[in-house]
Amino acid sequence: MIPRSHPRYQSLIKRELLVEGFEKGIVAPAGLIAHGRGETFDYLIGERSEDFAILAEKAAVAKMLMARNPVISVNGNVTALASADIVELAKLLNAKIEVNLFYRTEERVRKIVEEFLKYGVRILGDKPDARIPGLEHKRALCTTEGIYSADVVLVPLEDGDRAQALKNMGKFVITIDLNPLSRTARTAHITIVDELTRAVKNMIDFAKEINDKEAERILSHYQNKVILAQALRHINKRLEKLATDFQALQA
């Protein structure tokens, strides 16, 4: 039992959810490593949703609200950490949910589908009938109804190769990635440099507020390269300040 007074409470709860997901067979072993890598960048950012993240989250919601067939792609980590919020976000955005796994087994797919069924939602992906061109891995498997015909795809915690392949198909790619230097972050049309659960909760709030006119205004001003630059400058400035503070303590 983790006491709420613990200074690392939220971080430790997420770790426990991932361990639970791993024990259920939802999270792959490599997913635990990937989470730790992302958590490192969250430390550097300051473990909060900064302005550059908020702007990207608003733009992501705006784009999905205006989409013809928006799809949210989920993997094991997303399912373990944010399945309930993903369901709420999908309903607000009128988006489909499709499971896609790098380390794909039919058992893992089935367990993820069953996890979403707890919320009364049937997700796509357990019966793929199409492939993403340019990918030889099982990650290419998708459904015609979902990812293959989508115009906008939200791919949280994504692999760079698939993000590029989706972009090559002409799809508008949105990602949630704490690492602004990753291939996925640099490939996506909209990159949300924020922790998954914070980002999805923020997007839920924005989806309740943004109308069509506001969505067009937000997108007309959005520039993803500027957002990535702001994220990197923020990390740099924060580290410089921390270094100065540490040095002052030694004076």
C-alpha atoms as a PDB file:
ATOM      1  CA  MET A   1       0.000   0.000   0.000  1.00  0.00           C
ATOM      2  CA  ILE A   2       1.564   3.266  -1.161  1.00  0.00           C
ATOM      3  CA  PRO A   3       0.698   6.184   1.179  1.00  0.00           C
ATOM      4  CA  ARG A   4      -0.704   9.238  -0.608  1.00  0.00           C
ATOM      5  CA  SER A   5       1.784  11.360   1.338  1.00  0.00           C
ATOM      6  CA  HIS A   6       4.677   9.735  -0.524  1.00  0.00           C
ATOM      7  CA  PRO A   7       6.381  12.373  -2.727  1.00  0.00           C
ATOM      8  CA  ARG A   8       6.509   9.876  -5.610  1.00  0.00           C
ATOM      9  CA  TYR A   9       2.923   8.667  -5.162  1.00  0.00           C
ATOM     10  CA  GLN A  10       1.645   9.208  -8.725  1.00  0.00           C
ATOM     11  CA  SER A  11       4.791   7.762 -10.282  1.00  0.00           C
ATOM     12  CA  LEU A  12       4.697   4.698  -8.028  1.00  0.00           C
ATOM     13  CA  ILE A  13       1.012   4.097  -8.749  1.00  0.00           C
ATOM     14  CA  LYS A  14       1.744   4.071 -12.491  1.00  0.00           C
ATOM     15  CA  ARG A  15       4.542   1.591 -11.942  1.00  0.00           C
ATOM     16  CA  GLU A  16       2.198  -0.648  -9.974  1.00  0.00           C
ATOM     17  CA  LEU A  17      -0.410  -0.481 -12.750  1.00  0.00           C
ATOM     18  CA  LEU A  18       2.214  -1.544 -15.276  1.00  0.00           C
ATOM     19  CA  VAL A  19       3.426  -4.401 -13.081  1.00  0.00           C
ATOM     20  CA  GLU A  20      -0.188  -5.521 -12.675  1.00  0.00           C
ATOM     21  CA  GLY A  21      -0.636  -5.284 -16.434  1.00  0.00           C
ATOM     22  CA  PHE A  22       2.503  -7.340 -16.956  1.00  0.00           C
ATOM     23  CA  GLU A  23       1.261 -10.022 -14.565  1.00  0.00           C
ATOM     24  CA  LYS A  24      -2.059 -10.113 -16.441  1.00  0.00           C
ATOM     25  CA  GLY A  25      -0.232 -10.604 -19.732  1.00  0.00           C
ATOM     26  CA  ILE A  26      -1.252  -7.199 -21.129  1.00  0.00           C
ATOM     27  CA  VAL A  27       2.090  -5.390 -20.850  1.00  0.00           C
ATOM     28  CA  ALA A  28       5.162  -6.802 -22.613  1.00  0.00           C
ATOM     29  CA  PRO A  29       8.469  -6.991 -20.688  1.00  0.00           C
ATOM     30  CA  ALA A  30       9.915  -4.350 -23.019  1.00  0.00           C
ATOM     31  CA  GLY A  31       6.978  -2.106 -22.090  1.00  0.00           C
ATOM     32  CA  LEU A  32       8.340  -1.812 -18.570  1.00  0.00           C
ATOM     33  CA  ILE A  33      11.676  -0.631 -19.951  1.00  0.00           C
ATOM     34  CA  ALA A  34       9.970   1.842 -22.279  1.00  0.00           C
ATOM     35  CA  HIS A  35       8.035   3.337 -19.372  1.00  0.00           C
ATOM     36  CA  GLY A  36      11.220   3.872 -17.384  1.00  0.00           C
ATOM     37  CA  ARG A  37      12.793   5.680 -20.323  1.00  0.00           C
ATOM     38  CA  GLY A  38       9.767   7.955 -20.615  1.00  0.00           C
ATOM     39  CA  GLU A  39       9.729   8.610 -16.879  1.00  0.00           C
ATOM     40  CA  THR A  40      13.290   9.915 -17.151  1.00  0.00           C
ATOM     41  CA  PHE A  41      12.136  12.610 -19.565  1.00  0.00           C
ATOM     42  CA  ASP A  42       9.230  13.424 -17.262  1.00  0.00           C
ATOM     43  CA  TYR A  43      11.762  14.146 -14.505  1.00  0.00           C
ATOM     44  CA  LEU A  44      13.577  16.501 -16.864  1.00  0.00           C
ATOM     45  CA  ILE A  45      10.348  18.261 -17.838  1.00  0.00           C
ATOM     46  CA  GLY A  46       9.221  18.640 -14.231  1.00  0.00           C
ATOM     47  CA  GLU A  47       6.347  16.140 -14.068  1.00  0.00           C
ATOM     48  CA  ARG A  48       3.660  18.570 -15.136  1.00  0.00           C
ATOM     49  CA  SER A  49       1.855  19.574 -18.319  1.00  0.00           C
ATOM     50  CA  GLU A  50       3.782  22.567 -19.626  1.00  0.00           C
ATOM     51  CA  ASP A  51       2.438  25.170 -22.066  1.00  0.00           C
ATOM     52  CA  PHE A  52       3.892  23.386 -25.105  1.00  0.00           C
ATOM     53  CA  ALA A  53       2.041  20.217 -24.080  1.00  0.00           C
ATOM     54  CA  ILE A  54      -1.232  22.057 -23.523  1.00  0.00           C
ATOM     55  CA  LEU A  55      -1.024  23.660 -26.975  1.00  0.00           C
ATOM     56  CA  ALA A  56      -0.381  20.293 -28.605  1.00  0.00           C
ATOM     57  CA  GLU A  57      -3.208  18.636 -26.659  1.00  0.00           C
ATOM     58  CA  LYS A  58      -5.650  21.295 -27.783  1.00  0.00           C
ATOM     59  CA  ALA A  59      -4.484  20.928 -31.388  1.00  0.00           C
ATOM     60  CA  ALA A  60      -4.807  17.131 -31.192  1.00  0.00           C
ATOM     61  CA  VAL A  61      -8.371  17.376 -29.927  1.00  0.00           C
ATOM     62  CA  ALA A  62      -9.213  19.982 -32.567  1.00  0.00           C
ATOM     63  CA  LYS A  63      -7.879  17.779 -35.366  1.00  0.00           C
ATOM     64  CA  MET A  64      -9.702  14.675 -34.148  1.00  0.00           C
ATOM     65  CA  LEU A  65     -12.975  16.563 -33.730  1.00  0.00           C
ATOM     66  CA  MET A  66     -12.729  17.637 -37.381  1.00  0.00           C
ATOM     67  CA  ALA A  67     -11.696  14.187 -38.645  1.00  0.00           C
ATOM     68  CA  ARG A  68     -13.815  11.935 -40.829  1.00  0.00           C
ATOM     69  CA  ASN A  69     -12.654   8.667 -39.226  1.00  0.00           C
ATOM     70  CA  PRO A  70     -10.411   9.280 -36.188  1.00  0.00           C
ATOM     71  CA  VAL A  71      -8.821   6.233 -34.552  1.00  0.00           C
ATOM     72  CA  ILE A  72      -6.966   5.840 -31.248  1.00  0.00           C
ATOM     73  CA  SER A  73      -4.321   3.103 -31.387  1.00  0.00           C
ATOM     74  CA  VAL A  74      -3.644   1.353 -28.065  1.00  0.00           C
ATOM     75  CA  ASN A  75      -0.937  -1.001 -26.847  1.00  0.00           C
ATOM     76  CA  GLY A  76      -0.299  -2.798 -23.559  1.00  0.00           C
ATOM     77  CA  ASN A  77       1.090   0.189 -21.666  1.00  0.00           C
ATOM     78  CA  VAL A  78      -1.744   2.482 -22.776  1.00  0.00           C
ATOM     79  CA  THR A  79      -4.274  -0.153 -21.727  1.00  0.00           C
ATOM     80  CA  ALA A  80      -2.705  -0.678 -18.301  1.00  0.00           C
ATOM     81  CA  LEU A  81      -2.352   3.027 -17.548  1.00  0.00           C
ATOM     82  CA  ALA A  82      -5.329   4.745 -19.146  1.00  0.00           C
ATOM     83  CA  SER A  83      -7.978   2.395 -20.574  1.00  0.00           C
ATOM     84  CA  ALA A  84     -10.904   4.083 -18.806  1.00  0.00           C
ATOM     85  CA  ASP A  85      -9.810   7.558 -19.894  1.00  0.00           C
ATOM     86  CA  ILE A  86      -9.140   6.379 -23.451  1.00  0.00           C
ATOM     87  CA  VAL A  87     -12.722   5.109 -23.611  1.00  0.00           C
ATOM     88  CA  GLU A  88     -14.070   8.462 -22.398  1.00  0.00           C
ATOM     89  CA  LEU A  89     -11.883  10.392 -24.843  1.00  0.00           C
ATOM     90  CA  ALA A  90     -12.932   8.169 -27.753  1.00  0.00           C
ATOM     91  CA  LYS A  91     -16.593   8.760 -26.991  1.00  0.00           C
ATOM     92  CA  LEU A  92     -16.120  12.531 -26.840  1.00  0.00           C
ATOM     93  CA  LEU A  93     -14.203  12.537 -30.135  1.00  0.00           C
ATOM     94  CA  ASN A  94     -16.419   9.947 -31.849  1.00  0.00           C
ATOM     95  CA  ALA A  95     -13.253   7.926 -32.423  1.00  0.00           C
ATOM     96  CA  LYS A  96     -12.697   4.201 -32.838  1.00  0.00           C
ATOM     97  CA  ILE A  97     -10.156   2.336 -30.685  1.00  0.00           C
ATOM     98  CA  GLU A  98      -7.877  -0.282 -32.226  1.00  0.00           C
ATOM     99  CA  VAL A  99      -5.270  -2.471 -30.539  1.00  0.00           C
ATOM    100  CA  ASN A 100      -1.869  -2.657 -32.225  1.00  0.00           C
ATOM    101  CA  LEU A 101       1.149  -4.373 -30.667  1.00  0.00           C
ATOM    102  CA  PHE A 102       4.837  -4.511 -31.481  1.00  0.00           C
ATOM    103  CA  TYR A 103       5.200  -7.751 -29.494  1.00  0.00           C
ATOM    104  CA  ARG A 104       1.966  -9.206 -30.803  1.00  0.00           C
ATOM    105  CA  THR A 105       0.496 -12.480 -29.634  1.00  0.00           C
ATOM    106  CA  GLU A 106      -3.143 -13.447 -30.023  1.00  0.00           C
ATOM    107  CA  GLU A 107      -3.358 -13.937 -26.260  1.00  0.00           C
ATOM    108  CA  ARG A 108      -2.156 -10.389 -25.532  1.00  0.00           C
ATOM    109  CA  VAL A 109      -4.579  -8.971 -28.099  1.00  0.00           C
ATOM    110  CA  ARG A 110      -7.450 -10.949 -26.583  1.00  0.00           C
ATOM    111  CA  LYS A 111      -6.637  -9.760 -23.054  1.00  0.00           C
ATOM    112  CA  ILE A 112      -6.500  -6.125 -24.150  1.00  0.00           C
ATOM    113  CA  VAL A 113      -9.828  -6.470 -25.950  1.00  0.00           C
ATOM    114  CA  GLU A 114     -11.297  -8.015 -22.795  1.00  0.00           C
ATOM    115  CA  GLU A 115      -9.935  -5.135 -20.703  1.00  0.00           C
ATOM    116  CA  PHE A 116     -11.857  -2.619 -22.815  1.00  0.00           C
ATOM    117  CA  LEU A 117     -14.970  -4.785 -22.739  1.00  0.00           C
ATOM    118  CA  LYS A 118     -15.115  -4.039 -18.996  1.00  0.00           C
ATOM    119  CA  TYR A 119     -16.170  -0.529 -20.018  1.00  0.00           C
ATOM    120  CA  GLY A 120     -18.762  -1.816 -22.459  1.00  0.00           C
ATOM    121  CA  VAL A 121     -16.601  -1.006 -25.483  1.00  0.00           C
ATOM    122  CA  ARG A 122     -15.723  -3.384 -28.281  1.00  0.00           C
ATOM    123  CA  ILE A 123     -12.398  -2.336 -29.780  1.00  0.00           C
ATOM    124  CA  LEU A 124     -10.918  -3.238 -33.140  1.00  0.00           C
ATOM    125  CA  GLY A 125      -7.750  -5.167 -33.921  1.00  0.00           C
ATOM    126  CA  ASP A 126      -8.361  -8.748 -32.855  1.00  0.00           C
ATOM    127  CA  LYS A 127      -9.399  -9.658 -36.405  1.00  0.00           C
ATOM    128  CA  PRO A 128      -7.028  -7.761 -38.698  1.00  0.00           C
ATOM    129  CA  ASP A 129      -7.907  -7.782 -42.389  1.00  0.00           C
ATOM    130  CA  ALA A 130      -5.399  -5.262 -43.764  1.00  0.00           C
ATOM    131  CA  ARG A 131      -1.729  -4.290 -43.545  1.00  0.00           C
ATOM    132  CA  ILE A 132       0.102  -0.986 -43.289  1.00  0.00           C
ATOM    133  CA  PRO A 133       2.345  -0.765 -46.376  1.00  0.00           C
ATOM    134  CA  GLY A 134       6.087  -0.666 -45.776  1.00  0.00           C
ATOM    135  CA  LEU A 135       6.091  -2.622 -42.513  1.00  0.00           C
ATOM    136  CA  GLU A 136       7.217  -6.247 -42.422  1.00  0.00           C
ATOM    137  CA  HIS A 137       6.610  -6.682 -38.685  1.00  0.00           C
ATOM    138  CA  LYS A 138       3.313  -7.850 -37.184  1.00  0.00           C
ATOM    139  CA  ARG A 139       2.812  -4.182 -36.324  1.00  0.00           C
ATOM    140  CA  ALA A 140       1.628  -3.837 -39.918  1.00  0.00           C
ATOM    141  CA  LEU A 141      -1.569  -5.741 -39.084  1.00  0.00           C
ATOM    142  CA  CYS A 142      -4.636  -3.521 -38.842  1.00  0.00           C
ATOM    143  CA  THR A 143      -8.324  -3.371 -39.731  1.00  0.00           C
ATOM    144  CA  THR A 144      -9.940  -1.827 -42.777  1.00  0.00           C
ATOM    145  CA  GLU A 145     -12.638  -0.294 -40.588  1.00  0.00           C
ATOM    146  CA  GLY A 146     -10.121   1.305 -38.249  1.00  0.00           C
ATOM    147  CA  ILE A 147      -6.510   2.317 -38.812  1.00  0.00           C
ATOM    148  CA  TYR A 148      -6.353   1.427 -42.517  1.00  0.00           C
ATOM    149  CA  SER A 149      -9.188   3.801 -43.466  1.00  0.00           C
ATOM    150  CA  ALA A 150      -8.555   6.408 -40.760  1.00  0.00           C
ATOM    151  CA  ASP A 151      -7.691   9.950 -41.751  1.00  0.00           C
ATOM    152  CA  VAL A 152      -6.377  10.874 -38.289  1.00  0.00           C
ATOM    153  CA  VAL A 153      -4.629   8.419 -35.957  1.00  0.00           C
ATOM    154  CA  LEU A 154      -3.655   9.067 -32.337  1.00  0.00           C
ATOM    155  CA  VAL A 155      -0.737   6.744 -31.552  1.00  0.00           C
ATOM    156  CA  PRO A 156       0.397   7.156 -27.928  1.00  0.00           C
ATOM    157  CA  LEU A 157       3.741   5.614 -26.917  1.00  0.00           C
ATOM    158  CA  GLU A 158       4.429   4.750 -30.534  1.00  0.00           C
ATOM    159  CA  ASP A 159       7.206   3.092 -32.523  1.00  0.00           C
ATOM    160  CA  GLY A 160       8.863   5.461 -35.002  1.00  0.00           C
ATOM    161  CA  ASP A 161       8.691   3.067 -37.949  1.00  0.00           C
ATOM    162  CA  ARG A 162       4.928   2.709 -37.761  1.00  0.00           C
ATOM    163  CA  ALA A 163       4.438   6.437 -37.249  1.00  0.00           C
ATOM    164  CA  GLN A 164       6.370   7.042 -40.474  1.00  0.00           C
ATOM    165  CA  ALA A 165       4.483   4.284 -42.302  1.00  0.00           C
ATOM    166  CA  LEU A 166       1.146   5.792 -41.276  1.00  0.00           C
ATOM    167  CA  LYS A 167       2.340   9.193 -42.430  1.00  0.00           C
ATOM    168  CA  ASN A 168       3.408   7.682 -45.758  1.00  0.00           C
ATOM    169  CA  MET A 169      -0.166   6.433 -46.176  1.00  0.00           C
ATOM    170  CA  GLY A 170      -1.332  10.035 -46.032  1.00  0.00           C
ATOM    171  CA  LYS A 171      -2.691   9.851 -42.511  1.00  0.00           C
ATOM    172  CA  PHE A 172      -2.460  12.693 -40.024  1.00  0.00           C
ATOM    173  CA  VAL A 173      -0.428  11.296 -37.116  1.00  0.00           C
ATOM    174  CA  ILE A 174      -0.745  12.487 -33.515  1.00  0.00           C
ATOM    175  CA  THR A 175       1.467  11.064 -30.792  1.00  0.00           C
ATOM    176  CA  ILE A 176       2.009  11.334 -27.041  1.00  0.00           C
ATOM    177  CA  ASP A 177       5.728  11.022 -26.347  1.00  0.00           C
ATOM    178  CA  LEU A 178       7.765  12.372 -23.432  1.00  0.00           C
ATOM    179  CA  ASN A 179      10.928  12.235 -25.518  1.00  0.00           C
ATOM    180  CA  PRO A 180      10.956  15.206 -27.938  1.00  0.00           C
ATOM    181  CA  LEU A 181      13.982  13.709 -29.698  1.00  0.00           C
ATOM    182  CA  SER A 182      12.428  10.352 -30.587  1.00  0.00           C
ATOM    183  CA  ARG A 183      11.748   9.373 -34.192  1.00  0.00           C
ATOM    184  CA  THR A 184       8.041   9.310 -33.431  1.00  0.00           C
ATOM    185  CA  ALA A 185       8.076  12.804 -31.917  1.00  0.00           C
ATOM    186  CA  ARG A 186       9.902  14.189 -34.954  1.00  0.00           C
ATOM    187  CA  THR A 187       7.723  12.295 -37.448  1.00  0.00           C
ATOM    188  CA  ALA A 188       4.241  13.085 -36.114  1.00  0.00           C
ATOM    189  CA  HIS A 189       2.177  16.035 -37.303  1.00  0.00           C
ATOM    190  CA  ILE A 190       1.260  16.807 -33.685  1.00  0.00           C
ATOM    191  CA  THR A 191       3.541  15.711 -30.835  1.00  0.00           C
ATOM    192  CA  ILE A 192       2.268  15.933 -27.269  1.00  0.00           C
ATOM    193  CA  VAL A 193       5.352  16.045 -25.042  1.00  0.00           C
ATOM    194  CA  ASP A 194       3.568  15.025 -21.868  1.00  0.00           C
ATOM    195  CA  GLU A 195       2.989  11.978 -19.682  1.00  0.00           C
ATOM    196  CA  LEU A 196       0.241   9.733 -21.066  1.00  0.00           C
ATOM    197  CA  THR A 197      -2.288   9.892 -18.231  1.00  0.00           C
ATOM    198  CA  ARG A 198      -1.949  13.671 -17.801  1.00  0.00           C
ATOM    199  CA  ALA A 199      -2.256  14.203 -21.538  1.00  0.00           C
ATOM    200  CA  VAL A 200      -5.385  12.075 -21.946  1.00  0.00           C
ATOM    201  CA  LYS A 201      -7.115  13.738 -18.992  1.00  0.00           C
ATOM    202  CA  ASN A 202      -6.282  17.174 -20.426  1.00  0.00           C
ATOM    203  CA  MET A 203      -7.622  16.113 -23.817  1.00  0.00           C
ATOM    204  CA  ILE A 204     -10.872  14.951 -22.216  1.00  0.00           C
ATOM    205  CA  ASP A 205     -11.333  18.406 -20.715  1.00  0.00           C
ATOM    206  CA  PHE A 206     -10.546  20.141 -24.027  1.00  0.00           C
ATOM    207  CA  ALA A 207     -12.890  17.838 -25.955  1.00  0.00           C
ATOM    208  CA  LYS A 208     -15.737  19.133 -23.806  1.00  0.00           C
ATOM    209  CA  GLU A 209     -14.861  22.762 -24.532  1.00  0.00           C
ATOM    210  CA  ILE A 210     -13.671  23.086 -28.137  1.00  0.00           C
ATOM    211  CA  ASN A 211     -16.226  23.758 -30.890  1.00  0.00           C
ATOM    212  CA  ASP A 212     -15.696  23.643 -34.660  1.00  0.00           C
ATOM    213  CA  LYS A 213     -14.841  27.329 -34.986  1.00  0.00           C
ATOM    214  CA  GLU A 214     -12.348  27.137 -32.134  1.00  0.00           C
ATOM    215  CA  ALA A 215     -10.854  23.949 -33.600  1.00  0.00           C
ATOM    216  CA  GLU A 216     -10.110  25.698 -36.905  1.00  0.00           C
ATOM    217  CA  ARG A 217      -8.506  28.635 -35.098  1.00  0.00           C
ATOM    218  CA  ILE A 218      -6.299  26.371 -32.972  1.00  0.00           C
ATOM    219  CA  LEU A 219      -5.065  24.374 -35.961  1.00  0.00           C
ATOM    220  CA  SER A 220      -4.359  27.473 -38.046  1.00  0.00           C
ATOM    221  CA  HIS A 221      -1.779  28.593 -35.469  1.00  0.00           C
ATOM    222  CA  TYR A 222      -0.212  25.236 -34.635  1.00  0.00           C
ATOM    223  CA  GLN A 223       3.396  24.461 -35.649  1.00  0.00           C
ATOM    224  CA  ASN A 224       4.790  21.150 -34.421  1.00  0.00           C
ATOM    225  CA  LYS A 225       8.479  21.975 -34.919  1.00  0.00           C
ATOM    226  CA  VAL A 226       7.985  25.057 -32.744  1.00  0.00           C
ATOM    227  CA  ILE A 227       6.402  22.888 -30.045  1.00  0.00           C
ATOM    228  CA  LEU A 228       9.340  20.452 -30.103  1.00  0.00           C
ATOM    229  CA  ALA A 229      11.791  23.345 -29.901  1.00  0.00           C
ATOM    230  CA  GLN A 230       9.908  24.778 -26.926  1.00  0.00           C
ATOM    231  CA  ALA A 231      10.046  21.408 -25.152  1.00  0.00           C
ATOM    232  CA  LEU A 232      13.810  21.141 -25.668  1.00  0.00           C
ATOM    233  CA  ARG A 233      14.415  24.723 -24.545  1.00  0.00           C
ATOM    234  CA  HIS A 234      12.299  24.106 -21.449  1.00  0.00           C
ATOM    235  CA  ILE A 235      14.362  21.041 -20.518  1.00  0.00           C
ATOM    236  CA  ASN A 236      17.587  22.930 -21.148  1.00  0.00           C
ATOM    237  CA  LYS A 237      16.547  25.943 -19.059  1.00  0.00           C
ATOM    238  CA  ARG A 238      15.326  23.737 -16.248  1.00  0.00           C
ATOM    239  CA  LEU A 239      18.598  21.802 -16.123  1.00  0.00           C
ATOM    240  CA  GLU A 240      20.594  25.020 -16.203  1.00  0.00           C
ATOM    241  CA  LYS A 241      18.597  26.355 -13.254  1.00  0.00           C
ATOM    242  CA  LEU A 242      18.996  23.131 -11.294  1.00  0.00           C
ATOM    243  CA  ALA A 243      22.742  23.166 -11.949  1.00  0.00           C
ATOM    244  CA  THR A 244      22.972  26.787 -10.777  1.00  0.00           C
ATOM    245  CA  ASP A 245      20.962  25.986  -7.638  1.00  0.00           C
ATOM    246  CA  PHE A 246      23.179  22.999  -6.797  1.00  0.00           C
ATOM    247  CA  GLN A 247      26.301  25.074  -7.290  1.00  0.00           C
ATOM    248  CA  ALA A 248      24.921  27.808  -5.034  1.00  0.00           C
ATOM    249  CA  LEU A 249      24.444  25.263  -2.258  1.00  0.00           C
ATOM    250  CA  GLN A 250      28.179  24.519  -2.356  1.00  0.00           C
ATOM    251  CA  ALA A 251      29.187  28.177  -2.124  1.00  0.00           C
END
